[in-house]
Amino acid sequence: MKENPEITIIIPVYNCELYIEECLESVAGQTFENFEALVVNDGSNDASEEIIMNFVNKDSRFKLLTKENGGQSSARNLGLRCAKGKYIAFLDADDYIKPDFFEKLYAQAEEKNLDMAISGIKVLNVKTCKEIYDDPYFSLLCFDDSFDDKVFNYKECLEFIFRICVVPWNKLYRRDFLKQNKFKFIEQLNFEDNVFFLETFLKAQRVGIVREPLVCYRLFSDTSYSRTNGKQDFKKLDFFKILKLQEEILRENRLLETLKDKFENHRAYAINYWYKKTTYLQAKIIYFILLKLDEFYRELKMFIFHKK
């Protein structure tokens, strides 16, 4: 590995022994070879670290960072602090990338001087073993043909900004862009990708897309939020806090009024979506109470506004 790699990929790992080898193999097999892989062991107590060390010992581009368990955001943030690459990529330990992921996003970013390059995503349903290439959310269908081979920013995406896939692992970020704006992931909250995406996308002046699905996302894996159990269901309550943070970001960027109706539709869809996904009775009761309190608070704000 060169002293200054062009790309740093950050991979947080927590108890992912089933999938981490395939994940790291997909990184090792990239056609673009000038990268460093920072694999962050977030306090795993399974065989994940042993598998990671097999890659570290045979490939100098792989580095192991260890920390006490603090969650995915804290692991990503540690990786950001240690990264040396001109560009930053992320990957979840239960997913994997196509061999030309780096090559194609790097070429796009370099050619067009991008702050952010975005690729399509293939969904692999673990339950059915079915591969899905045309999922409306993951396949970049919200971007029409006019965005192909084009440099753009959020101003051209206001009509569908809340339909853009928020995950960081189908994107390549210019590190100076992240560093200058002091971007990092919010810790101790789930669904943090929603906040990180909105902050970065609203600040990025130059964005481009590669429609090809260069990342494979495992749906219904053992580490996925698509699972339904008590612990996961309580985590879904965090979305109320995420929505408040998103609202504040829009206000700070003077877009809350412009996007008022679209944000309200986004709120309603997200809250109802996760309510339906919540099956554990205690979590569902708390979710329902928070939902009603949220509705009351928003109606009260509207009443006070009209009174003025």
C-alpha atoms as a PDB file:
ATOM      1  CA  MET A   1       0.000   0.000   0.000  1.00  0.00           C
ATOM      2  CA  LYS A   2       1.201   3.496  -0.830  1.00  0.00           C
ATOM      3  CA  GLU A   3       1.756   5.912   2.064  1.00  0.00           C
ATOM      4  CA  ASN A   4      -1.123   8.105   0.904  1.00  0.00           C
ATOM      5  CA  PRO A   5      -3.915   5.883  -0.416  1.00  0.00           C
ATOM      6  CA  GLU A   6      -6.463   7.371  -2.780  1.00  0.00           C
ATOM      7  CA  ILE A   7      -9.376   5.698  -0.991  1.00  0.00           C
ATOM      8  CA  THR A   8     -10.054   4.764   2.617  1.00  0.00           C
ATOM      9  CA  ILE A   9     -12.901   2.334   3.194  1.00  0.00           C
ATOM     10  CA  ILE A  10     -14.248   2.145   6.752  1.00  0.00           C
ATOM     11  CA  ILE A  11     -15.896  -1.098   7.868  1.00  0.00           C
ATOM     12  CA  PRO A  12     -17.458  -1.270  11.353  1.00  0.00           C
ATOM     13  CA  VAL A  13     -17.766  -4.818  12.676  1.00  0.00           C
ATOM     14  CA  TYR A  14     -19.763  -6.186  15.578  1.00  0.00           C
ATOM     15  CA  ASN A  15     -20.307  -9.941  15.874  1.00  0.00           C
ATOM     16  CA  CYS A  16     -20.445 -10.525  12.131  1.00  0.00           C
ATOM     17  CA  GLU A  17     -18.519 -13.788  11.797  1.00  0.00           C
ATOM     18  CA  LEU A  18     -21.049 -15.161   9.294  1.00  0.00           C
ATOM     19  CA  TYR A  19     -20.464 -12.472   6.686  1.00  0.00           C
ATOM     20  CA  ILE A  20     -17.247 -10.567   7.400  1.00  0.00           C
ATOM     21  CA  GLU A  21     -14.986 -12.831   5.325  1.00  0.00           C
ATOM     22  CA  GLU A  22     -17.038 -12.349   2.155  1.00  0.00           C
ATOM     23  CA  CYS A  23     -17.207  -8.626   2.877  1.00  0.00           C
ATOM     24  CA  LEU A  24     -13.422  -8.290   3.201  1.00  0.00           C
ATOM     25  CA  GLU A  25     -12.779 -10.570   0.222  1.00  0.00           C
ATOM     26  CA  SER A  26     -14.853  -8.204  -1.900  1.00  0.00           C
ATOM     27  CA  VAL A  27     -12.663  -5.309  -0.765  1.00  0.00           C
ATOM     28  CA  ALA A  28      -9.395  -7.209  -1.312  1.00  0.00           C
ATOM     29  CA  GLY A  29     -10.493  -8.085  -4.830  1.00  0.00           C
ATOM     30  CA  GLN A  30     -11.000  -4.515  -6.030  1.00  0.00           C
ATOM     31  CA  THR A  31      -9.602  -3.694  -9.468  1.00  0.00           C
ATOM     32  CA  PHE A  32      -8.557  -0.294  -8.061  1.00  0.00           C
ATOM     33  CA  GLU A  33      -5.736  -1.260  -5.722  1.00  0.00           C
ATOM     34  CA  ASN A  34      -4.574   1.988  -4.082  1.00  0.00           C
ATOM     35  CA  PHE A  35      -6.744   1.902  -0.973  1.00  0.00           C
ATOM     36  CA  GLU A  36      -6.630   1.290   2.752  1.00  0.00           C
ATOM     37  CA  ALA A  37      -9.300  -0.679   4.572  1.00  0.00           C
ATOM     38  CA  LEU A  38      -9.879   0.352   8.182  1.00  0.00           C
ATOM     39  CA  VAL A  39     -11.759  -2.497   9.822  1.00  0.00           C
ATOM     40  CA  VAL A  40     -13.133  -1.339  13.171  1.00  0.00           C
ATOM     41  CA  ASN A  41     -13.877  -4.124  15.651  1.00  0.00           C
ATOM     42  CA  ASP A  42     -16.565  -2.577  17.843  1.00  0.00           C
ATOM     43  CA  GLY A  43     -16.183  -4.961  20.777  1.00  0.00           C
ATOM     44  CA  SER A  44     -17.108  -8.209  19.006  1.00  0.00           C
ATOM     45  CA  ASN A  45     -17.175 -11.345  21.139  1.00  0.00           C
ATOM     46  CA  ASP A  46     -17.376 -13.873  18.308  1.00  0.00           C
ATOM     47  CA  ALA A  47     -14.743 -14.920  15.749  1.00  0.00           C
ATOM     48  CA  SER A  48     -14.900 -11.643  13.790  1.00  0.00           C
ATOM     49  CA  GLU A  49     -11.490 -10.339  14.926  1.00  0.00           C
ATOM     50  CA  GLU A  50      -9.753 -13.612  14.092  1.00  0.00           C
ATOM     51  CA  ILE A  51     -11.157 -13.448  10.552  1.00  0.00           C
ATOM     52  CA  ILE A  52     -10.141  -9.792  10.223  1.00  0.00           C
ATOM     53  CA  MET A  53      -6.590 -10.589  11.333  1.00  0.00           C
ATOM     54  CA  ASN A  54      -6.266 -13.136   8.533  1.00  0.00           C
ATOM     55  CA  PHE A  55      -6.615 -10.242   6.084  1.00  0.00           C
ATOM     56  CA  VAL A  56      -4.421  -7.866   8.093  1.00  0.00           C
ATOM     57  CA  ASN A  57      -1.595 -10.422   8.194  1.00  0.00           C
ATOM     58  CA  LYS A  58      -1.580 -11.131   4.465  1.00  0.00           C
ATOM     59  CA  ASP A  59      -2.480  -7.711   3.002  1.00  0.00           C
ATOM     60  CA  SER A  60      -0.854  -4.480   4.245  1.00  0.00           C
ATOM     61  CA  ARG A  61      -3.804  -2.452   2.964  1.00  0.00           C
ATOM     62  CA  PHE A  62      -5.975  -3.842   5.772  1.00  0.00           C
ATOM     63  CA  LYS A  63      -5.721  -2.373   9.258  1.00  0.00           C
ATOM     64  CA  LEU A  64      -7.541  -3.447  12.404  1.00  0.00           C
ATOM     65  CA  LEU A  65      -8.828  -0.800  14.801  1.00  0.00           C
ATOM     66  CA  THR A  66     -10.260  -2.064  18.088  1.00  0.00           C
ATOM     67  CA  LYS A  67     -12.546  -0.324  20.549  1.00  0.00           C
ATOM     68  CA  GLU A  68     -15.086  -1.061  23.217  1.00  0.00           C
ATOM     69  CA  ASN A  69     -18.596  -1.549  21.931  1.00  0.00           C
ATOM     70  CA  GLY A  70     -20.121   1.837  21.282  1.00  0.00           C
ATOM     71  CA  GLY A  71     -22.227   1.327  18.198  1.00  0.00           C
ATOM     72  CA  GLN A  72     -21.835   1.662  14.464  1.00  0.00           C
ATOM     73  CA  SER A  73     -21.596   5.464  14.496  1.00  0.00           C
ATOM     74  CA  SER A  74     -18.729   5.552  16.966  1.00  0.00           C
ATOM     75  CA  ALA A  75     -16.895   2.908  14.926  1.00  0.00           C
ATOM     76  CA  ARG A  76     -17.338   4.915  11.729  1.00  0.00           C
ATOM     77  CA  ASN A  77     -16.217   8.096  13.472  1.00  0.00           C
ATOM     78  CA  LEU A  78     -13.041   6.376  14.687  1.00  0.00           C
ATOM     79  CA  GLY A  79     -12.371   5.339  11.109  1.00  0.00           C
ATOM     80  CA  LEU A  80     -12.906   8.914   9.908  1.00  0.00           C
ATOM     81  CA  ARG A  81     -10.355  10.208  12.415  1.00  0.00           C
ATOM     82  CA  CYS A  82      -7.759   7.669  11.248  1.00  0.00           C
ATOM     83  CA  ALA A  83      -8.410   7.833   7.505  1.00  0.00           C
ATOM     84  CA  LYS A  84      -5.668   8.951   5.123  1.00  0.00           C
ATOM     85  CA  GLY A  85      -7.360   8.561   1.743  1.00  0.00           C
ATOM     86  CA  LYS A  86      -8.331  11.343  -0.623  1.00  0.00           C
ATOM     87  CA  TYR A  87     -11.782   9.756  -0.701  1.00  0.00           C
ATOM     88  CA  ILE A  88     -13.822   7.977   1.960  1.00  0.00           C
ATOM     89  CA  ALA A  89     -16.092   4.960   1.479  1.00  0.00           C
ATOM     90  CA  PHE A  90     -18.078   2.955   4.013  1.00  0.00           C
ATOM     91  CA  LEU A  91     -19.224  -0.652   4.031  1.00  0.00           C
ATOM     92  CA  ASP A  92     -21.293  -2.651   6.484  1.00  0.00           C
ATOM     93  CA  ALA A  93     -19.768  -5.961   7.558  1.00  0.00           C
ATOM     94  CA  ASP A  94     -22.696  -8.062   6.296  1.00  0.00           C
ATOM     95  CA  ASP A  95     -22.651  -6.530   2.795  1.00  0.00           C
ATOM     96  CA  TYR A  96     -20.144  -6.677  -0.055  1.00  0.00           C
ATOM     97  CA  ILE A  97     -19.067  -4.684  -3.101  1.00  0.00           C
ATOM     98  CA  LYS A  98     -18.487  -5.526  -6.765  1.00  0.00           C
ATOM     99  CA  PRO A  99     -14.841  -5.683  -7.921  1.00  0.00           C
ATOM    100  CA  ASP A 100     -15.111  -2.340  -9.749  1.00  0.00           C
ATOM    101  CA  PHE A 101     -16.828  -0.385  -6.952  1.00  0.00           C
ATOM    102  CA  PHE A 102     -13.731   1.723  -6.220  1.00  0.00           C
ATOM    103  CA  GLU A 103     -12.693   1.990  -9.857  1.00  0.00           C
ATOM    104  CA  LYS A 104     -15.991   3.343 -11.162  1.00  0.00           C
ATOM    105  CA  LEU A 105     -16.808   5.730  -8.321  1.00  0.00           C
ATOM    106  CA  TYR A 106     -13.217   7.011  -8.180  1.00  0.00           C
ATOM    107  CA  ALA A 107     -13.183   7.654 -11.945  1.00  0.00           C
ATOM    108  CA  GLN A 108     -16.458   9.564 -11.664  1.00  0.00           C
ATOM    109  CA  ALA A 109     -15.254  11.603  -8.678  1.00  0.00           C
ATOM    110  CA  GLU A 110     -11.903  12.471 -10.261  1.00  0.00           C
ATOM    111  CA  GLU A 111     -13.270  13.303 -13.709  1.00  0.00           C
ATOM    112  CA  LYS A 112     -16.001  15.572 -12.360  1.00  0.00           C
ATOM    113  CA  ASN A 113     -14.295  16.838  -9.178  1.00  0.00           C
ATOM    114  CA  LEU A 114     -17.142  15.536  -7.028  1.00  0.00           C
ATOM    115  CA  ASP A 115     -17.791  15.950  -3.330  1.00  0.00           C
ATOM    116  CA  MET A 116     -19.979  12.836  -3.448  1.00  0.00           C
ATOM    117  CA  ALA A 117     -20.421   9.995  -5.953  1.00  0.00           C
ATOM    118  CA  ILE A 118     -23.413   7.655  -5.544  1.00  0.00           C
ATOM    119  CA  SER A 119     -23.904   4.151  -6.942  1.00  0.00           C
ATOM    120  CA  GLY A 120     -26.882   1.856  -7.308  1.00  0.00           C
ATOM    121  CA  ILE A 121     -27.452  -1.075  -4.944  1.00  0.00           C
ATOM    122  CA  LYS A 122     -28.402  -4.705  -5.483  1.00  0.00           C
ATOM    123  CA  VAL A 123     -30.634  -6.138  -2.746  1.00  0.00           C
ATOM    124  CA  LEU A 124     -30.120  -9.776  -1.745  1.00  0.00           C
ATOM    125  CA  ASN A 125     -33.089 -11.168   0.161  1.00  0.00           C
ATOM    126  CA  VAL A 126     -31.475 -13.654   2.556  1.00  0.00           C
ATOM    127  CA  LYS A 127     -34.787 -15.422   3.217  1.00  0.00           C
ATOM    128  CA  THR A 128     -35.640 -16.100  -0.430  1.00  0.00           C
ATOM    129  CA  CYS A 129     -32.118 -15.849  -1.963  1.00  0.00           C
ATOM    130  CA  LYS A 130     -33.700 -13.534  -4.556  1.00  0.00           C
ATOM    131  CA  GLU A 131     -31.596 -10.720  -6.057  1.00  0.00           C
ATOM    132  CA  ILE A 132     -33.459  -7.450  -6.592  1.00  0.00           C
ATOM    133  CA  TYR A 133     -32.041  -4.866  -8.982  1.00  0.00           C
ATOM    134  CA  ASP A 134     -35.002  -2.512  -9.424  1.00  0.00           C
ATOM    135  CA  ASP A 135     -35.975  -1.603  -5.869  1.00  0.00           C
ATOM    136  CA  PRO A 136     -37.275   2.009  -6.112  1.00  0.00           C
ATOM    137  CA  TYR A 137     -35.266   3.145  -3.097  1.00  0.00           C
ATOM    138  CA  PHE A 138     -31.940   1.402  -3.693  1.00  0.00           C
ATOM    139  CA  SER A 139     -31.693   1.550  -7.498  1.00  0.00           C
ATOM    140  CA  LEU A 140     -31.542   5.374  -7.881  1.00  0.00           C
ATOM    141  CA  LEU A 141     -34.829   5.422  -9.816  1.00  0.00           C
ATOM    142  CA  CYS A 142     -35.692   8.765  -8.235  1.00  0.00           C
ATOM    143  CA  PHE A 143     -32.990  10.284 -10.475  1.00  0.00           C
ATOM    144  CA  ASP A 144     -34.350  10.505 -14.033  1.00  0.00           C
ATOM    145  CA  ASP A 145     -32.204  10.117 -17.141  1.00  0.00           C
ATOM    146  CA  SER A 146     -31.218  13.795 -17.109  1.00  0.00           C
ATOM    147  CA  PHE A 147     -28.937  13.085 -14.116  1.00  0.00           C
ATOM    148  CA  ASP A 148     -26.828  10.562 -15.998  1.00  0.00           C
ATOM    149  CA  ASP A 149     -23.275  11.835 -16.553  1.00  0.00           C
ATOM    150  CA  LYS A 150     -24.260  15.118 -14.882  1.00  0.00           C
ATOM    151  CA  VAL A 151     -22.878  17.141 -11.974  1.00  0.00           C
ATOM    152  CA  PHE A 152     -25.635  18.432  -9.712  1.00  0.00           C
ATOM    153  CA  ASN A 153     -26.494  19.415  -6.142  1.00  0.00           C
ATOM    154  CA  TYR A 154     -29.507  19.339  -3.835  1.00  0.00           C
ATOM    155  CA  LYS A 155     -31.212  22.295  -5.552  1.00  0.00           C
ATOM    156  CA  GLU A 156     -32.032  20.066  -8.498  1.00  0.00           C
ATOM    157  CA  CYS A 157     -33.399  17.328  -6.229  1.00  0.00           C
ATOM    158  CA  LEU A 158     -35.880  19.177  -4.031  1.00  0.00           C
ATOM    159  CA  GLU A 159     -38.856  17.386  -5.570  1.00  0.00           C
ATOM    160  CA  PHE A 160     -37.579  13.977  -4.449  1.00  0.00           C
ATOM    161  CA  ILE A 161     -34.944  14.698  -1.785  1.00  0.00           C
ATOM    162  CA  PHE A 162     -36.671  12.486   0.796  1.00  0.00           C
ATOM    163  CA  ARG A 163     -36.746   9.549  -1.631  1.00  0.00           C
ATOM    164  CA  ILE A 164     -32.967   9.422  -2.104  1.00  0.00           C
ATOM    165  CA  CYS A 165     -31.250   6.444  -0.479  1.00  0.00           C
ATOM    166  CA  VAL A 166     -29.553   7.738   2.697  1.00  0.00           C
ATOM    167  CA  VAL A 167     -27.069   4.927   3.400  1.00  0.00           C
ATOM    168  CA  PRO A 168     -23.379   5.966   3.310  1.00  0.00           C
ATOM    169  CA  TRP A 169     -22.118   2.670   1.877  1.00  0.00           C
ATOM    170  CA  ASN A 170     -23.135   3.297  -1.739  1.00  0.00           C
ATOM    171  CA  LYS A 171     -21.238   6.591  -1.793  1.00  0.00           C
ATOM    172  CA  LEU A 172     -17.704   7.890  -2.193  1.00  0.00           C
ATOM    173  CA  TYR A 173     -16.999  11.144  -0.325  1.00  0.00           C
ATOM    174  CA  ARG A 174     -14.118  13.543  -0.842  1.00  0.00           C
ATOM    175  CA  ARG A 175     -12.363  13.529   2.540  1.00  0.00           C
ATOM    176  CA  ASP A 176     -11.544  17.255   2.460  1.00  0.00           C
ATOM    177  CA  PHE A 177     -15.269  17.930   1.997  1.00  0.00           C
ATOM    178  CA  LEU A 178     -16.136  15.887   5.095  1.00  0.00           C
ATOM    179  CA  LYS A 179     -13.250  17.344   7.086  1.00  0.00           C
ATOM    180  CA  GLN A 180     -13.875  21.010   6.225  1.00  0.00           C
ATOM    181  CA  ASN A 181     -17.513  20.712   7.251  1.00  0.00           C
ATOM    182  CA  LYS A 182     -16.660  18.636  10.360  1.00  0.00           C
ATOM    183  CA  PHE A 183     -19.157  15.953   9.410  1.00  0.00           C
ATOM    184  CA  LYS A 184     -19.477  12.918  11.650  1.00  0.00           C
ATOM    185  CA  PHE A 185     -22.120  10.364  12.556  1.00  0.00           C
ATOM    186  CA  ILE A 186     -24.422  11.022  15.496  1.00  0.00           C
ATOM    187  CA  GLU A 187     -23.685   8.485  18.210  1.00  0.00           C
ATOM    188  CA  GLN A 188     -26.084   6.665  20.533  1.00  0.00           C
ATOM    189  CA  LEU A 189     -28.952   6.951  18.043  1.00  0.00           C
ATOM    190  CA  ASN A 190     -30.204   4.474  15.474  1.00  0.00           C
ATOM    191  CA  PHE A 191     -31.090   5.517  11.921  1.00  0.00           C
ATOM    192  CA  GLU A 192     -28.165   7.943  12.041  1.00  0.00           C
ATOM    193  CA  ASP A 193     -27.660   7.620   8.282  1.00  0.00           C
ATOM    194  CA  ASN A 194     -30.709   9.830   7.746  1.00  0.00           C
ATOM    195  CA  VAL A 195     -29.021  12.736   9.517  1.00  0.00           C
ATOM    196  CA  PHE A 196     -25.566  12.198   8.006  1.00  0.00           C
ATOM    197  CA  PHE A 197     -27.003  12.063   4.493  1.00  0.00           C
ATOM    198  CA  LEU A 198     -29.120  15.201   4.834  1.00  0.00           C
ATOM    199  CA  GLU A 199     -26.206  17.186   6.301  1.00  0.00           C
ATOM    200  CA  THR A 200     -23.730  16.096   3.643  1.00  0.00           C
ATOM    201  CA  PHE A 201     -26.086  16.253   0.670  1.00  0.00           C
ATOM    202  CA  LEU A 202     -27.197  19.805   1.440  1.00  0.00           C
ATOM    203  CA  LYS A 203     -23.568  20.962   1.616  1.00  0.00           C
ATOM    204  CA  ALA A 204     -22.211  19.030  -1.380  1.00  0.00           C
ATOM    205  CA  GLN A 205     -21.771  21.354  -4.352  1.00  0.00           C
ATOM    206  CA  ARG A 206     -20.837  18.630  -6.835  1.00  0.00           C
ATOM    207  CA  VAL A 207     -22.631  15.262  -6.844  1.00  0.00           C
ATOM    208  CA  GLY A 208     -22.732  12.530  -9.489  1.00  0.00           C
ATOM    209  CA  ILE A 209     -24.297   9.084  -9.861  1.00  0.00           C
ATOM    210  CA  VAL A 210     -23.298   5.693 -11.259  1.00  0.00           C
ATOM    211  CA  ARG A 211     -26.511   3.767 -11.844  1.00  0.00           C
ATOM    212  CA  GLU A 212     -24.875   0.369 -11.882  1.00  0.00           C
ATOM    213  CA  PRO A 213     -25.533  -1.605  -8.659  1.00  0.00           C
ATOM    214  CA  LEU A 214     -21.982  -1.760  -7.277  1.00  0.00           C
ATOM    215  CA  VAL A 215     -22.972  -2.743  -3.722  1.00  0.00           C
ATOM    216  CA  CYS A 216     -24.893  -5.772  -2.479  1.00  0.00           C
ATOM    217  CA  TYR A 217     -27.148  -5.174   0.540  1.00  0.00           C
ATOM    218  CA  ARG A 218     -28.281  -8.214   2.502  1.00  0.00           C
ATOM    219  CA  LEU A 219     -31.929  -7.833   3.463  1.00  0.00           C
ATOM    220  CA  PHE A 220     -33.040  -9.798   6.534  1.00  0.00           C
ATOM    221  CA  SER A 221     -29.491 -10.630   7.636  1.00  0.00           C
ATOM    222  CA  ASP A 222     -28.913 -11.272  11.346  1.00  0.00           C
ATOM    223  CA  THR A 223     -27.611  -7.711  11.754  1.00  0.00           C
ATOM    224  CA  SER A 224     -30.335  -5.945   9.749  1.00  0.00           C
ATOM    225  CA  TYR A 225     -33.004  -3.543  11.002  1.00  0.00           C
ATOM    226  CA  SER A 226     -35.458  -5.539   8.908  1.00  0.00           C
ATOM    227  CA  ARG A 227     -35.510  -8.055  11.744  1.00  0.00           C
ATOM    228  CA  THR A 228     -38.417  -7.831  14.170  1.00  0.00           C
ATOM    229  CA  ASN A 229     -37.774  -8.623  17.815  1.00  0.00           C
ATOM    230  CA  GLY A 230     -38.086  -6.796  21.125  1.00  0.00           C
ATOM    231  CA  LYS A 231     -34.630  -5.250  21.153  1.00  0.00           C
ATOM    232  CA  GLN A 232     -34.814  -4.101  17.530  1.00  0.00           C
ATOM    233  CA  ASP A 233     -38.349  -2.765  17.996  1.00  0.00           C
ATOM    234  CA  PHE A 234     -37.297  -0.489  20.863  1.00  0.00           C
ATOM    235  CA  LYS A 235     -34.514   0.892  18.643  1.00  0.00           C
ATOM    236  CA  LYS A 236     -37.149   2.000  16.143  1.00  0.00           C
ATOM    237  CA  LEU A 237     -38.352   4.579  18.670  1.00  0.00           C
ATOM    238  CA  ASP A 238     -35.238   6.608  17.828  1.00  0.00           C
ATOM    239  CA  PHE A 239     -36.839   7.724  14.578  1.00  0.00           C
ATOM    240  CA  PHE A 240     -38.793  10.413  16.431  1.00  0.00           C
ATOM    241  CA  LYS A 241     -35.482  11.993  17.495  1.00  0.00           C
ATOM    242  CA  ILE A 242     -34.079  11.584  13.979  1.00  0.00           C
ATOM    243  CA  LEU A 243     -37.018  13.485  12.504  1.00  0.00           C
ATOM    244  CA  LYS A 244     -36.453  16.364  14.908  1.00  0.00           C
ATOM    245  CA  LEU A 245     -32.792  16.490  13.923  1.00  0.00           C
ATOM    246  CA  GLN A 246     -33.728  16.484  10.243  1.00  0.00           C
ATOM    247  CA  GLU A 247     -36.158  19.326  10.848  1.00  0.00           C
ATOM    248  CA  GLU A 248     -33.414  21.335  12.553  1.00  0.00           C
ATOM    249  CA  ILE A 249     -31.012  20.729   9.647  1.00  0.00           C
ATOM    250  CA  LEU A 250     -33.619  22.003   7.197  1.00  0.00           C
ATOM    251  CA  ARG A 251     -34.181  25.061   9.374  1.00  0.00           C
ATOM    252  CA  GLU A 252     -30.446  25.795   9.594  1.00  0.00           C
ATOM    253  CA  ASN A 253     -30.200  25.561   5.800  1.00  0.00           C
ATOM    254  CA  ARG A 254     -33.284  27.786   5.351  1.00  0.00           C
ATOM    255  CA  LEU A 255     -35.154  25.036   3.576  1.00  0.00           C
ATOM    256  CA  LEU A 256     -37.843  24.172   6.126  1.00  0.00           C
ATOM    257  CA  GLU A 257     -40.453  26.436   4.600  1.00  0.00           C
ATOM    258  CA  THR A 258     -39.560  25.443   1.033  1.00  0.00           C
ATOM    259  CA  LEU A 259     -39.773  21.742   1.847  1.00  0.00           C
ATOM    260  CA  LYS A 260     -42.520  21.980   4.446  1.00  0.00           C
ATOM    261  CA  ASP A 261     -45.111  19.808   2.668  1.00  0.00           C
ATOM    262  CA  LYS A 262     -42.570  17.269   1.464  1.00  0.00           C
ATOM    263  CA  PHE A 263     -41.039  16.984   4.930  1.00  0.00           C
ATOM    264  CA  GLU A 264     -44.454  16.484   6.516  1.00  0.00           C
ATOM    265  CA  ASN A 265     -45.187  13.707   4.023  1.00  0.00           C
ATOM    266  CA  HIS A 266     -41.774  12.198   4.819  1.00  0.00           C
ATOM    267  CA  ARG A 267     -42.529  12.389   8.547  1.00  0.00           C
ATOM    268  CA  ALA A 268     -45.918  10.740   8.198  1.00  0.00           C
ATOM    269  CA  TYR A 269     -44.606   7.960   5.964  1.00  0.00           C
ATOM    270  CA  ALA A 270     -41.566   7.213   8.150  1.00  0.00           C
ATOM    271  CA  ILE A 271     -43.496   7.172  11.427  1.00  0.00           C
ATOM    272  CA  ASN A 272     -46.244   4.934  10.067  1.00  0.00           C
ATOM    273  CA  TYR A 273     -43.758   2.662   8.296  1.00  0.00           C
ATOM    274  CA  TRP A 274     -41.800   1.908  11.461  1.00  0.00           C
ATOM    275  CA  TYR A 275     -44.974   1.658  13.540  1.00  0.00           C
ATOM    276  CA  LYS A 276     -46.213  -1.101  11.236  1.00  0.00           C
ATOM    277  CA  LYS A 277     -42.795  -2.790  11.427  1.00  0.00           C
ATOM    278  CA  THR A 278     -42.965  -2.807  15.245  1.00  0.00           C
ATOM    279  CA  THR A 279     -44.442  -6.072  16.529  1.00  0.00           C
ATOM    280  CA  TYR A 280     -43.218  -6.285  20.136  1.00  0.00           C
ATOM    281  CA  LEU A 281     -46.222  -5.203  22.237  1.00  0.00           C
ATOM    282  CA  GLN A 282     -44.440  -2.989  24.792  1.00  0.00           C
ATOM    283  CA  ALA A 283     -42.498  -1.169  22.083  1.00  0.00           C
ATOM    284  CA  LYS A 284     -45.659  -0.751  19.995  1.00  0.00           C
ATOM    285  CA  ILE A 285     -47.517   0.824  22.947  1.00  0.00           C
ATOM    286  CA  ILE A 286     -44.688   3.292  23.586  1.00  0.00           C
ATOM    287  CA  TYR A 287     -44.468   4.033  19.844  1.00  0.00           C
ATOM    288  CA  PHE A 288     -48.225   4.722  19.747  1.00  0.00           C
ATOM    289  CA  ILE A 289     -47.985   7.104  22.721  1.00  0.00           C
ATOM    290  CA  LEU A 290     -45.070   8.967  21.127  1.00  0.00           C
ATOM    291  CA  LEU A 291     -46.992   9.114  17.855  1.00  0.00           C
ATOM    292  CA  LYS A 292     -50.003  10.726  19.523  1.00  0.00           C
ATOM    293  CA  LEU A 293     -47.827  13.142  21.501  1.00  0.00           C
ATOM    294  CA  ASP A 294     -46.062  14.102  18.293  1.00  0.00           C
ATOM    295  CA  GLU A 295     -49.389  14.731  16.547  1.00  0.00           C
ATOM    296  CA  PHE A 296     -50.633  16.831  19.496  1.00  0.00           C
ATOM    297  CA  TYR A 297     -47.422  18.882  19.570  1.00  0.00           C
ATOM    298  CA  ARG A 298     -47.581  19.628  15.861  1.00  0.00           C
ATOM    299  CA  GLU A 299     -51.262  20.563  15.995  1.00  0.00           C
ATOM    300  CA  LEU A 300     -50.527  22.859  18.945  1.00  0.00           C
ATOM    301  CA  LYS A 301     -47.752  24.564  16.987  1.00  0.00           C
ATOM    302  CA  MET A 302     -50.114  25.130  14.062  1.00  0.00           C
ATOM    303  CA  PHE A 303     -52.792  26.538  16.394  1.00  0.00           C
ATOM    304  CA  ILE A 304     -50.315  28.993  17.976  1.00  0.00           C
ATOM    305  CA  PHE A 305     -49.002  29.977  14.525  1.00  0.00           C
ATOM    306  CA  HIS A 306     -52.494  30.768  13.216  1.00  0.00           C
ATOM    307  CA  LYS A 307     -53.342  32.676  16.399  1.00  0.00           C
ATOM    308  CA  LYS A 308     -50.390  34.989  15.688  1.00  0.00           C
END
